[in-house]
Protein backbone atom coordinates (compact mmCIF):
# COMPACT_ATOMS: atom_id res chain seq x y z
CA MET A 1 0.02 125.66 -82.90
CA PRO A 2 0.75 125.96 -86.60
CA ASN A 3 -2.34 124.02 -87.71
CA ALA A 4 -4.82 125.56 -85.26
CA ARG A 5 -8.23 126.12 -86.83
CA LYS A 6 -9.57 129.64 -86.82
CA ILE A 7 -12.97 130.07 -85.24
CA LYS A 8 -15.52 131.84 -87.42
CA GLU A 9 -18.82 133.22 -86.26
CA ALA A 10 -22.15 133.99 -87.85
CA PHE A 11 -24.92 135.76 -85.96
CA VAL A 12 -28.44 135.50 -87.33
CA SER A 13 -31.44 137.43 -86.01
CA PRO A 14 -34.63 138.88 -87.49
CA SER A 15 -33.92 142.05 -85.48
CA SER A 16 -31.66 144.53 -87.27
CA SER A 17 -30.82 146.29 -84.01
CA ALA A 18 -29.74 142.97 -82.45
CA ARG A 19 -27.53 142.23 -85.47
CA ILE A 20 -25.95 145.68 -85.41
CA THR A 21 -25.38 145.59 -81.64
CA ARG A 22 -23.74 142.16 -81.89
CA ALA A 23 -21.60 143.23 -84.86
CA MET A 24 -20.39 146.33 -83.04
CA ALA A 25 -19.52 144.33 -79.92
CA TRP A 26 -17.69 141.71 -81.99
CA LEU A 27 -15.71 144.33 -83.93
CA ALA A 28 -14.74 146.04 -80.66
CA GLU A 29 -13.05 142.78 -79.60
CA HIS A 30 -10.76 142.76 -82.66
CA SER A 31 -7.80 144.75 -83.86
CA PRO A 32 -8.36 147.31 -86.63
CA SER A 33 -5.57 145.62 -88.58
CA GLN A 34 -7.05 142.12 -88.29
CA GLN A 35 -8.48 140.72 -91.52
CA ILE A 36 -12.26 140.85 -91.03
CA LEU A 37 -15.04 140.56 -93.57
CA ILE A 38 -18.13 142.67 -92.83
CA ILE A 39 -21.07 141.24 -94.79
CA ALA A 40 -24.23 143.34 -95.14
CA ALA A 41 -27.26 143.75 -97.38
CA ASN A 42 -25.59 146.62 -99.21
CA ARG A 43 -22.19 148.23 -99.25
CA GLU A 44 -23.41 151.37 -97.51
CA ALA A 45 -24.73 149.34 -94.56
CA ALA A 46 -21.42 147.47 -94.25
CA ALA A 47 -19.49 150.75 -94.42
CA GLU A 48 -21.71 152.31 -91.74
CA ILE A 49 -21.14 149.39 -89.36
CA GLY A 50 -17.38 149.65 -89.82
CA ARG A 51 -17.42 153.44 -89.52
CA GLN A 52 -19.52 153.39 -86.35
CA ALA A 53 -17.32 150.72 -84.78
CA VAL A 54 -14.25 152.86 -85.44
CA LEU A 55 -15.91 155.97 -83.97
CA ASP A 56 -17.20 154.13 -80.90
CA SER A 57 -13.82 152.57 -80.11
CA GLU A 58 -11.74 155.68 -80.85
CA ILE A 59 -9.16 153.54 -82.69
CA GLY A 60 -8.99 156.11 -85.47
CA ALA A 61 -9.01 153.78 -88.48
CA SER A 62 -9.52 150.21 -89.62
CA TYR A 63 -7.32 148.96 -92.40
CA GLY A 64 -7.98 145.22 -92.21
CA TRP A 65 -11.75 145.33 -92.27
CA ASN A 66 -13.25 144.60 -95.66
CA ARG A 67 -16.87 145.24 -96.58
CA VAL A 68 -18.94 143.17 -99.00
CA THR A 69 -22.55 142.33 -99.85
CA SER A 70 -23.75 138.75 -99.62
CA GLY A 71 -24.39 138.73 -103.38
CA ARG A 72 -20.86 139.90 -104.15
CA LEU A 73 -19.39 137.36 -101.74
CA ALA A 74 -21.39 134.54 -103.38
CA ALA A 75 -20.18 135.65 -106.80
CA GLU A 76 -16.56 135.75 -105.64
CA ILE A 77 -16.80 132.30 -104.08
CA ALA A 78 -18.39 130.95 -107.26
CA GLY A 79 -15.56 132.47 -109.27
CA ASP A 80 -17.76 134.73 -111.41
CA VAL A 81 -15.79 137.86 -110.54
């Protein structure tokens, strides 16, 4: 299907452990080369989620996963960057 829509997900929870657990499970379902955007409160938190997902899955590396803060993403979408 050339015009198939891609499904995007957002998980919202007041519990940080629930968010991290869900993010780790979701990342485990995807290839390390797949283009994925990890959005977190700060860059270190996004990097830690990606790093832990790589270590837990023993895939060795992730070269399609990009990390960004919500503020940076908003600025990029607005075209201020």
